[in-house]
C-alpha atoms as a PDB file:
ATOM      1  CA  MET A   1       8.844 -16.014  15.729  1.00  0.00           C
ATOM      2  CA  ALA A   2      10.646 -14.506  13.382  1.00  0.00           C
ATOM      3  CA  PRO A   3       8.892 -11.816  11.237  1.00  0.00           C
ATOM      4  CA  GLY A   4      10.515 -10.638   7.917  1.00  0.00           C
ATOM      5  CA  GLY A   5      12.556 -13.978   8.576  1.00  0.00           C
ATOM      6  CA  VAL A   6      15.109 -12.204  10.399  1.00  0.00           C
ATOM      7  CA  VAL A   7      15.740 -14.179  14.050  1.00  0.00           C
ATOM      8  CA  SER A   8      17.946 -12.398  17.247  1.00  0.00           C
ATOM      9  CA  ALA A   9      20.000 -14.202  19.222  1.00  0.00           C
ATOM     10  CA  ARG A  10      18.143 -12.238  22.420  1.00  0.00           C
ATOM     11  CA  LEU A  11      14.908 -14.383  20.437  1.00  0.00           C
ATOM     12  CA  LEU A  12      16.359 -17.655  20.382  1.00  0.00           C
ATOM     13  CA  ARG A  13      17.780 -17.740  23.963  1.00  0.00           C
ATOM     14  CA  ARG A  14      14.371 -17.218  25.050  1.00  0.00           C
ATOM     15  CA  HIS A  15      13.674 -20.425  23.613  1.00  0.00           C
ATOM     16  CA  GLY A  16      16.768 -22.141  24.868  1.00  0.00           C
ATOM     17  CA  ASP A  17      20.190 -21.254  24.442  1.00  0.00           C
ATOM     18  CA  PRO A  18      20.719 -21.385  20.629  1.00  0.00           C
ATOM     19  CA  HIS A  19      25.091 -21.630  20.246  1.00  0.00           C
ATOM     20  CA  GLU A  20      24.308 -25.413  19.229  1.00  0.00           C
ATOM     21  CA  ALA A  21      21.672 -24.650  17.046  1.00  0.00           C
ATOM     22  CA  LEU A  22      22.856 -21.922  15.267  1.00  0.00           C
ATOM     23  CA  ASP A  23      26.332 -23.631  14.742  1.00  0.00           C
ATOM     24  CA  VAL A  24      24.981 -26.195  12.922  1.00  0.00           C
ATOM     25  CA  LEU A  25      22.503 -24.399  11.051  1.00  0.00           C
ATOM     26  CA  LEU A  26      25.569 -21.456  10.450  1.00  0.00           C
ATOM     27  CA  SER A  27      27.778 -24.518   8.765  1.00  0.00           C
ATOM     28  CA  SER A  28      24.650 -26.105   6.604  1.00  0.00           C
ATOM     29  CA  GLY A  29      23.787 -22.734   4.892  1.00  0.00           C
ATOM     30  CA  THR A  30      20.569 -22.718   6.701  1.00  0.00           C
ATOM     31  CA  VAL A  31      20.949 -19.395   7.852  1.00  0.00           C
ATOM     32  CA  HIS A  32      23.394 -16.817   7.454  1.00  0.00           C
ATOM     33  CA  ARG A  33      24.742 -13.693   9.822  1.00  0.00           C
ATOM     34  CA  VAL A  34      23.382 -10.404   8.993  1.00  0.00           C
ATOM     35  CA  ARG A  35      25.190  -8.784  11.693  1.00  0.00           C
ATOM     36  CA  ARG A  36      26.058  -9.756  15.491  1.00  0.00           C
ATOM     37  CA  GLY A  37      23.540 -11.067  16.992  1.00  0.00           C
ATOM     38  CA  TRP A  38      20.834 -11.894  13.831  1.00  0.00           C
ATOM     39  CA  TYR A  39      20.352 -14.129  11.949  1.00  0.00           C
ATOM     40  CA  ASP A  40      18.236 -14.468   8.447  1.00  0.00           C
ATOM     41  CA  LEU A  41      16.447 -17.341   7.788  1.00  0.00           C
ATOM     42  CA  PRO A  42      15.591 -18.619   3.858  1.00  0.00           C
ATOM     43  CA  ASP A  43      13.355 -16.073   1.939  1.00  0.00           C
ATOM     44  CA  ALA A  44      13.940 -13.513   4.513  1.00  0.00           C
ATOM     45  CA  ASP A  45      11.754 -10.519   3.473  1.00  0.00           C
ATOM     46  CA  SER A  46      14.651  -8.299   1.490  1.00  0.00           C
ATOM     47  CA  ALA A  47      13.156  -4.201   3.541  1.00  0.00           C
ATOM     48  CA  VAL A  48      14.069  -6.648   6.961  1.00  0.00           C
ATOM     49  CA  LEU A  49      17.455  -7.567   5.733  1.00  0.00           C
ATOM     50  CA  SER A  50      17.947  -4.099   4.925  1.00  0.00           C
ATOM     51  CA  ALA A  51      16.826  -2.439   7.854  1.00  0.00           C
ATOM     52  CA  VAL A  52      18.778  -5.632  10.348  1.00  0.00           C
ATOM     53  CA  ALA A  53      22.304  -5.109   8.254  1.00  0.00           C
ATOM     54  CA  SER A  54      22.259  -1.119   8.923  1.00  0.00           C
ATOM     55  CA  GLY A  55      21.826  -1.786  12.372  1.00  0.00           C
ATOM     56  CA  GLY A  56      18.722  -1.443  13.858  1.00  0.00           C
ATOM     57  CA  VAL A  57      15.317  -2.827  12.795  1.00  0.00           C
ATOM     58  CA  LEU A  58      12.815  -2.090  10.429  1.00  0.00           C
ATOM     59  CA  THR A  59       9.784   0.370  11.774  1.00  0.00           C
ATOM     60  CA  CYS A  60       7.525   3.772  10.766  1.00  0.00           C
ATOM     61  CA  VAL A  61       5.519   3.294   7.322  1.00  0.00           C
ATOM     62  CA  SER A  62       8.190   0.342   6.139  1.00  0.00           C
ATOM     63  CA  ALA A  63       7.238  -2.049   9.715  1.00  0.00           C
ATOM     64  CA  LEU A  64       3.189  -0.449   8.703  1.00  0.00           C
ATOM     65  CA  ARG A  65       3.365  -1.867   5.120  1.00  0.00           C
ATOM     66  CA  PHE A  66       4.867  -5.334   6.382  1.00  0.00           C
ATOM     67  CA  HIS A  67       2.037  -5.718   8.337  1.00  0.00           C
ATOM     68  CA  GLY A  68      -0.400  -4.802   5.708  1.00  0.00           C
ATOM     69  CA  VAL A  69      -1.191  -1.097   6.986  1.00  0.00           C
ATOM     70  CA  TRP A  70      -2.294   1.084   4.411  1.00  0.00           C
ATOM     71  CA  VAL A  71       0.739   3.406   3.957  1.00  0.00           C
ATOM     72  CA  PRO A  72       1.343   5.446   0.923  1.00  0.00           C
ATOM     73  CA  PRO A  73       3.833   4.027  -1.919  1.00  0.00           C
ATOM     74  CA  SER A  74       7.704   4.524  -1.287  1.00  0.00           C
ATOM     75  CA  GLU A  75      10.993   2.547  -1.769  1.00  0.00           C
ATOM     76  CA  THR A  76      12.693   4.202   1.142  1.00  0.00           C
ATOM     77  CA  ILE A  77      13.317   1.549   3.959  1.00  0.00           C
ATOM     78  CA  HIS A  78      12.551   3.156   7.557  1.00  0.00           C
ATOM     79  CA  ALA A  79      14.249   2.145  10.508  1.00  0.00           C
ATOM     80  CA  ARG A  80      15.166   2.737  13.585  1.00  0.00           C
ATOM     81  CA  PRO A  81      18.775   2.060  15.232  1.00  0.00           C
ATOM     82  CA  ALA A  82      19.260  -1.058  17.789  1.00  0.00           C
ATOM     83  CA  ARG A  83      20.702   1.327  20.166  1.00  0.00           C
ATOM     84  CA  ASP A  84      20.487   5.203  20.772  1.00  0.00           C
ATOM     85  CA  SER A  85      24.034   5.627  20.285  1.00  0.00           C
ATOM     86  CA  MET A  86      24.254   4.129  16.722  1.00  0.00           C
ATOM     87  CA  ASN A  87      24.192   5.511  13.529  1.00  0.00           C
ATOM     88  CA  LEU A  88      22.098   3.107  10.656  1.00  0.00           C
ATOM     89  CA  ALA A  89      24.475   2.880   7.500  1.00  0.00           C
ATOM     90  CA  ALA A  90      23.706   4.556   4.162  1.00  0.00           C
ATOM     91  CA  GLY A  91      20.898   3.552   2.211  1.00  0.00           C
ATOM     92  CA  VAL A  92      17.672   3.165   5.282  1.00  0.00           C
ATOM     93  CA  GLN A  93      16.184   6.569   6.391  1.00  0.00           C
ATOM     94  CA  GLN A  94      16.549   6.533  10.221  1.00  0.00           C
ATOM     95  CA  CYS A  95      13.710   6.898  12.195  1.00  0.00           C
ATOM     96  CA  ALA A  96      13.386   9.325  15.366  1.00  0.00           C
ATOM     97  CA  MET A  97      11.191   7.780  18.294  1.00  0.00           C
ATOM     98  CA  GLY A  98      11.828  10.514  20.645  1.00  0.00           C
ATOM     99  CA  ARG A  99      12.336   8.642  23.469  1.00  0.00           C
ATOM    100  CA  ARG A 100      14.744   5.685  24.689  1.00  0.00           C
ATOM    101  CA  PHE A 101      13.577   2.152  24.016  1.00  0.00           C
ATOM    102  CA  PRO A 102      14.917  -1.370  24.763  1.00  0.00           C
ATOM    103  CA  ALA A 103      17.508  -3.224  22.408  1.00  0.00           C
ATOM    104  CA  PRO A 104      14.704  -4.315  20.149  1.00  0.00           C
ATOM    105  CA  VAL A 105      14.742  -8.145  20.243  1.00  0.00           C
ATOM    106  CA  LEU A 106      12.153  -8.498  17.194  1.00  0.00           C
ATOM    107  CA  ALA A 107      13.184  -6.937  13.732  1.00  0.00           C
ATOM    108  CA  VAL A 108      10.011  -5.353  12.693  1.00  0.00           C
ATOM    109  CA  ASP A 109       8.916  -3.134  15.333  1.00  0.00           C
ATOM    110  CA  PRO A 110       5.118  -3.916  15.631  1.00  0.00           C
ATOM    111  CA  VAL A 111       2.053  -1.638  14.603  1.00  0.00           C
ATOM    112  CA  ALA A 112       2.137   0.694  17.265  1.00  0.00           C
ATOM    113  CA  LEU A 113       5.456   2.086  17.551  1.00  0.00           C
ATOM    114  CA  SER A 114       5.658   2.057  14.004  1.00  0.00           C
ATOM    115  CA  LEU A 115       2.426   4.107  14.221  1.00  0.00           C
ATOM    116  CA  ARG A 116       4.144   6.580  16.522  1.00  0.00           C
ATOM    117  CA  ALA A 117       7.536   6.495  14.372  1.00  0.00           C
ATOM    118  CA  ALA A 118       5.514   7.453  11.314  1.00  0.00           C
ATOM    119  CA  SER A 119       4.221  10.861  13.507  1.00  0.00           C
ATOM    120  CA  GLY A 120       7.509  11.923  12.532  1.00  0.00           C
ATOM    121  CA  CYS A 121       7.478  10.964   8.702  1.00  0.00           C
ATOM    122  CA  LEU A 122       4.016  11.003   7.429  1.00  0.00           C
ATOM    123  CA  SER A 123       2.268  14.490   6.773  1.00  0.00           C
ATOM    124  CA  ARG A 124      -0.712  14.527   9.253  1.00  0.00           C
ATOM    125  CA  GLU A 125      -3.731  13.100   6.378  1.00  0.00           C
ATOM    126  CA  TYR A 126      -1.216  10.051   5.167  1.00  0.00           C
ATOM    127  CA  LEU A 127      -0.855   9.610   9.206  1.00  0.00           C
ATOM    128  CA  THR A 128      -4.590   9.459   9.587  1.00  0.00           C
ATOM    129  CA  ALA A 129      -5.127   7.402   6.710  1.00  0.00           C
ATOM    130  CA  ALA A 130      -2.717   4.751   8.001  1.00  0.00           C
ATOM    131  CA  VAL A 131      -4.090   4.679  11.805  1.00  0.00           C
ATOM    132  CA  ASP A 132      -7.562   3.921   9.817  1.00  0.00           C
ATOM    133  CA  SER A 133      -6.271   1.043   8.140  1.00  0.00           C
ATOM    134  CA  ALA A 134      -4.545  -0.295  11.355  1.00  0.00           C
ATOM    135  CA  ILE A 135      -7.820   0.205  13.087  1.00  0.00           C
ATOM    136  CA  GLU A 136      -9.732  -1.435  10.525  1.00  0.00           C
ATOM    137  CA  SER A 137      -7.243  -3.911  10.420  1.00  0.00           C
ATOM    138  CA  ARG A 138      -8.173  -4.815  14.161  1.00  0.00           C
ATOM    139  CA  GLN A 139      -4.278  -4.721  14.418  1.00  0.00           C
ATOM    140  CA  VAL A 140      -4.369  -2.343  16.800  1.00  0.00           C
ATOM    141  CA  THR A 141      -7.417  -0.379  19.447  1.00  0.00           C
ATOM    142  CA  ARG A 142      -8.086   3.374  19.832  1.00  0.00           C
ATOM    143  CA  ARG A 143      -7.223   2.371  23.544  1.00  0.00           C
ATOM    144  CA  ASP A 144      -3.758   0.679  22.423  1.00  0.00           C
ATOM    145  CA  LEU A 145      -2.653   3.880  20.370  1.00  0.00           C
ATOM    146  CA  ASP A 146      -3.885   6.179  23.360  1.00  0.00           C
ATOM    147  CA  ARG A 147      -1.464   4.224  25.599  1.00  0.00           C
ATOM    148  CA  SER A 148       1.603   3.966  23.245  1.00  0.00           C
ATOM    149  CA  LEU A 149       1.426   7.761  22.175  1.00  0.00           C
ATOM    150  CA  TRP A 150       0.675   9.348  25.343  1.00  0.00           C
ATOM    151  CA  TRP A 151       4.161  10.347  25.153  1.00  0.00           C
ATOM    152  CA  ALA A 152       3.510  11.281  21.128  1.00  0.00           C
ATOM    153  CA  THR A 153       3.931  14.452  19.600  1.00  0.00           C
ATOM    154  CA  GLY A 154       1.205  16.884  19.221  1.00  0.00           C
ATOM    155  CA  ARG A 155       0.296  15.726  15.431  1.00  0.00           C
ATOM    156  CA  ALA A 156       0.226  12.203  16.646  1.00  0.00           C
ATOM    157  CA  HIS A 157      -3.173  12.614  18.980  1.00  0.00           C
ATOM    158  CA  GLU A 158      -4.741  15.108  16.918  1.00  0.00           C
ATOM    159  CA  VAL A 159      -4.641  12.105  14.337  1.00  0.00           C
ATOM    160  CA  LEU A 160      -6.101  10.060  16.945  1.00  0.00           C
ATOM    161  CA  GLY A 161      -8.905  13.024  16.699  1.00  0.00           C
ATOM    162  CA  ARG A 162      -9.573  12.935  13.361  1.00  0.00           C
ATOM    163  CA  THR A 163      -9.693   9.044  12.866  1.00  0.00           C
ATOM    164  CA  ASP A 164     -13.467   7.303  11.891  1.00  0.00           C
ATOM    165  CA  TRP A 165     -14.324   4.110   9.700  1.00  0.00           C
ATOM    166  CA  ALA A 166     -12.584   3.524   6.437  1.00  0.00           C
ATOM    167  CA  GLN A 167     -12.056   0.374   4.785  1.00  0.00           C
ATOM    168  CA  SER A 168      -9.138   1.838   2.794  1.00  0.00           C
ATOM    169  CA  GLY A 169      -6.213   4.097   2.557  1.00  0.00           C
ATOM    170  CA  THR A 170      -8.110   5.872  -0.037  1.00  0.00           C
ATOM    171  CA  GLU A 171     -11.146   6.697   1.451  1.00  0.00           C
ATOM    172  CA  SER A 172      -9.511   7.664   4.335  1.00  0.00           C
ATOM    173  CA  LEU A 173      -7.599  10.928   2.445  1.00  0.00           C
ATOM    174  CA  VAL A 174     -11.100  11.729   0.399  1.00  0.00           C
ATOM    175  CA  ARG A 175     -13.307  11.932   3.494  1.00  0.00           C
ATOM    176  CA  GLN A 176     -10.203  14.392   5.604  1.00  0.00           C
ATOM    177  CA  ARG A 177     -10.524  16.657   2.015  1.00  0.00           C
ATOM    178  CA  LEU A 178     -13.930  16.793   2.154  1.00  0.00           C
ATOM    179  CA  ARG A 179     -14.293  17.383   5.629  1.00  0.00           C
ATOM    180  CA  GLY A 180     -11.171  20.284   5.357  1.00  0.00           C
ATOM    181  CA  LEU A 181     -13.486  21.922   3.041  1.00  0.00           C
ATOM    182  CA  HIS A 182     -16.370  21.750   5.566  1.00  0.00           C
ATOM    183  CA  LEU A 183     -18.281  19.432   3.989  1.00  0.00           C
ATOM    184  CA  ARG A 184     -20.881  17.096   5.665  1.00  0.00           C
ATOM    185  CA  VAL A 185     -19.776  13.496   4.839  1.00  0.00           C
ATOM    186  CA  ARG A 186     -20.652  10.262   6.753  1.00  0.00           C
ATOM    187  CA  THR A 187     -18.688   6.882   6.303  1.00  0.00           C
ATOM    188  CA  GLN A 188     -19.719   3.367   5.883  1.00  0.00           C
ATOM    189  CA  VAL A 189     -23.272   4.202   5.826  1.00  0.00           C
ATOM    190  CA  ALA A 190     -25.932   1.739   4.715  1.00  0.00           C
ATOM    191  CA  ILE A 191     -28.168   2.028   2.352  1.00  0.00           C
ATOM    192  CA  ASP A 192     -31.345  -0.462   1.693  1.00  0.00           C
ATOM    193  CA  GLY A 193     -30.227  -2.746  -1.148  1.00  0.00           C
ATOM    194  CA  VAL A 194     -27.106  -2.057  -1.319  1.00  0.00           C
ATOM    195  CA  GLY A 195     -25.133  -2.100   1.909  1.00  0.00           C
ATOM    196  CA  ARG A 196     -22.558  -0.262   3.134  1.00  0.00           C
ATOM    197  CA  VAL A 197     -21.020   2.923   0.807  1.00  0.00           C
ATOM    198  CA  ASP A 198     -17.522   4.433   1.344  1.00  0.00           C
ATOM    199  CA  LEU A 199     -19.056   8.272   2.011  1.00  0.00           C
ATOM    200  CA  LEU A 200     -22.218   9.856   1.943  1.00  0.00           C
ATOM    201  CA  VAL A 201     -21.750  13.278   1.083  1.00  0.00           C
ATOM    202  CA  GLY A 202     -24.959  15.359   2.252  1.00  0.00           C
ATOM    203  CA  ASP A 203     -27.953  13.302   1.462  1.00  0.00           C
ATOM    204  CA  ARG A 204     -27.581  12.054  -2.135  1.00  0.00           C
ATOM    205  CA  LEU A 205     -23.838  12.105  -3.215  1.00  0.00           C
ATOM    206  CA  VAL A 206     -21.866   8.794  -3.034  1.00  0.00           C
ATOM    207  CA  ILE A 207     -18.626   8.595  -3.306  1.00  0.00           C
ATOM    208  CA  GLU A 208     -16.952   5.094  -3.458  1.00  0.00           C
ATOM    209  CA  THR A 209     -13.042   4.858  -3.604  1.00  0.00           C
ATOM    210  CA  ASP A 210     -11.814   1.912  -5.523  1.00  0.00           C
ATOM    211  CA  SER A 211      -8.476  -0.003  -4.758  1.00  0.00           C
ATOM    212  CA  ALA A 212      -6.936  -3.082  -5.824  1.00  0.00           C
ATOM    213  CA  ALA A 213      -7.169  -4.997  -2.810  1.00  0.00           C
ATOM    214  CA  HIS A 214     -11.339  -4.836  -2.922  1.00  0.00           C
ATOM    215  CA  HIS A 215     -12.416  -4.387  -6.327  1.00  0.00           C
ATOM    216  CA  SER A 216     -10.183  -6.237  -8.470  1.00  0.00           C
ATOM    217  CA  GLY A 217     -11.521  -9.560 -10.600  1.00  0.00           C
ATOM    218  CA  VAL A 218     -14.596  -9.996 -12.386  1.00  0.00           C
ATOM    219  CA  GLU A 219     -17.339 -10.943  -9.602  1.00  0.00           C
ATOM    220  CA  ALA A 220     -16.029  -7.579  -7.520  1.00  0.00           C
ATOM    221  CA  TYR A 221     -16.467  -5.309 -10.788  1.00  0.00           C
ATOM    222  CA  ARG A 222     -19.539  -6.949 -11.109  1.00  0.00           C
ATOM    223  CA  GLU A 223     -20.888  -6.524  -7.620  1.00  0.00           C
ATOM    224  CA  ASP A 224     -19.726  -2.548  -8.087  1.00  0.00           C
ATOM    225  CA  ARG A 225     -21.924  -2.401 -10.934  1.00  0.00           C
ATOM    226  CA  ARG A 226     -25.087  -3.865  -9.729  1.00  0.00           C
ATOM    227  CA  ARG A 227     -24.752  -1.670  -6.608  1.00  0.00           C
ATOM    228  CA  ASP A 228     -24.294   1.195  -9.082  1.00  0.00           C
ATOM    229  CA  LEU A 229     -27.378   0.438 -10.565  1.00  0.00           C
ATOM    230  CA  VAL A 230     -29.061   0.232  -7.286  1.00  0.00           C
ATOM    231  CA  LEU A 231     -28.160   3.193  -6.306  1.00  0.00           C
ATOM    232  CA  ALA A 232     -28.996   5.069  -9.608  1.00  0.00           C
ATOM    233  CA  SER A 233     -32.482   3.805  -9.323  1.00  0.00           C
ATOM    234  CA  LEU A 234     -33.339   5.414  -5.788  1.00  0.00           C
ATOM    235  CA  GLY A 235     -32.002   8.424  -7.235  1.00  0.00           C
ATOM    236  CA  TYR A 236     -28.041   9.005  -5.195  1.00  0.00           C
ATOM    237  CA  ARG A 237     -25.168  10.254  -7.838  1.00  0.00           C
ATOM    238  CA  VAL A 238     -22.919   8.048  -7.441  1.00  0.00           C
ATOM    239  CA  LEU A 239     -19.026   9.041  -8.281  1.00  0.00           C
ATOM    240  CA  ARG A 240     -16.662   6.136  -8.183  1.00  0.00           C
ATOM    241  CA  LEU A 241     -12.870   7.068  -7.453  1.00  0.00           C
ATOM    242  CA  SER A 242      -9.513   5.095  -8.324  1.00  0.00           C
ATOM    243  CA  TRP A 243      -6.160   5.472  -6.046  1.00  0.00           C
ATOM    244  CA  GLU A 244      -4.655   7.108  -8.965  1.00  0.00           C
ATOM    245  CA  GLN A 245      -7.515   9.727  -9.383  1.00  0.00           C
ATOM    246  CA  VAL A 246      -7.363  10.453  -5.794  1.00  0.00           C
ATOM    247  CA  VAL A 247      -3.548  11.015  -5.308  1.00  0.00           C
ATOM    248  CA  LEU A 248      -2.685  12.633  -8.642  1.00  0.00           C
ATOM    249  CA  ASP A 249      -5.522  14.421  -9.724  1.00  0.00           C
ATOM    250  CA  TRP A 250      -7.208  15.483  -7.012  1.00  0.00           C
ATOM    251  CA  PRO A 251      -8.067  18.606  -8.340  1.00  0.00           C
ATOM    252  CA  ALA A 252      -9.631  17.420 -11.087  1.00  0.00           C
ATOM    253  CA  VAL A 253     -11.608  15.251  -8.419  1.00  0.00           C
ATOM    254  CA  VAL A 254     -12.597  17.832  -5.628  1.00  0.00           C
ATOM    255  CA  GLY A 255     -13.911  20.385  -8.443  1.00  0.00           C
ATOM    256  CA  ALA A 256     -15.899  17.631 -10.087  1.00  0.00           C
ATOM    257  CA  ILE A 257     -17.182  17.335  -6.568  1.00  0.00           C
ATOM    258  CA  LEU A 258     -17.786  20.911  -5.678  1.00  0.00           C
ATOM    259  CA  ARG A 259     -20.105  21.799  -8.962  1.00  0.00           C
ATOM    260  CA  ILE A 260     -22.329  18.928  -7.683  1.00  0.00           C
ATOM    261  CA  VAL A 261     -22.004  20.402  -4.203  1.00  0.00           C
ATOM    262  CA  ASP A 262     -22.852  23.772  -5.663  1.00  0.00           C
ATOM    263  CA  ALA A 263     -25.882  22.908  -7.931  1.00  0.00           C
ATOM    264  CA  GLY A 264     -27.389  21.668  -4.753  1.00  0.00           C
ATOM    265  CA  GLU A 265     -27.181  17.920  -6.393  1.00  0.00           C
ATOM    266  CA  HIS A 266     -26.050  16.408  -3.280  1.00  0.00           C
ATOM    267  CA  ARG A 267     -29.290  16.975  -1.755  1.00  0.00           C
ATOM    268  CA  TRP A 268     -32.688  15.470  -1.820  1.00  0.00           C
ATOM    269  CA  ALA A 269     -35.122  17.810  -4.084  1.00  0.00           C
ATOM    270  CA  ALA A 270     -37.279  19.854  -1.686  1.00  0.00           C
END
C-alpha cells in the first residue's frame, strides 16, 4: 500500500527486506528518494510529495481531500511532522494533533485521524460538513469517530452531535445555517414520485443543493428538471442552490429563504 505514490521503508520492511529491491529501483530511476526512509513511485501525488519532503505526512484537510471527503477549497498543504520534535519545512501548514503518535508508516493519514487534525483548522460548520461527508461516503462510522476523538477538542465532540444525513458539503452548510436560525429543517426527505430531496424547510419548501459531483451532465440536468416539475405540480416551493451561492453569496440566499418563510409559503395552507 502506497497512498499518494509515496512509500516508507518501514512499510516495505513489513513485506520483506527492501534493501536489494530498493537499490535496483533507485538505480533504474523507477523510484526516487524523497527524504531519508521515504520513496516516491511514478505519478506520485504532488501534495503528498510536498508533505513528505517537508518532513511529515499529509493530514488534516489535505488528506481528507485526497480521500474524497468534502472540504472547502484551499491550495494550502496540511501536514504533521513524522516526529514530535520536528518542525516542517516552509511551504506547508503544520497541524497540531494534541497528543503523541507513533512515527507514521503511511504518507497519508487515514480519515478519522485527519478529521482530528482538521478540528484545529476548520470552522465548526466546515468541520461538521467534512464529518457528514466522511460518514456519507462510508469511510468512517460514528462509532469510529467516537473512539478516535474521545480525547479531542470540545469542538470536535460538539460537531459529532451536529452531524446529519447529507449527500454534499454544500447541503450540510445550508442545513446548519438554517437550523442556526431556528428553522425546522429535515434532511433527505422522501417524496412520492420524486425520491429524496436534500432539505425540506417546514412542510413544503424544498431546497436542493447542486454540486458538480452529482448534478453535472445532460442526464443529471434533465432529471433535476423532471423532479422540479413534479414537486411544483404537488404544490412544493423549490429552491435550487449552487455551491457559489451558498459559499460566496449566502446573504442573498438566506434573505430569499426568510422572505418565503415570513410569508408563510413554507407551510401548507390551512
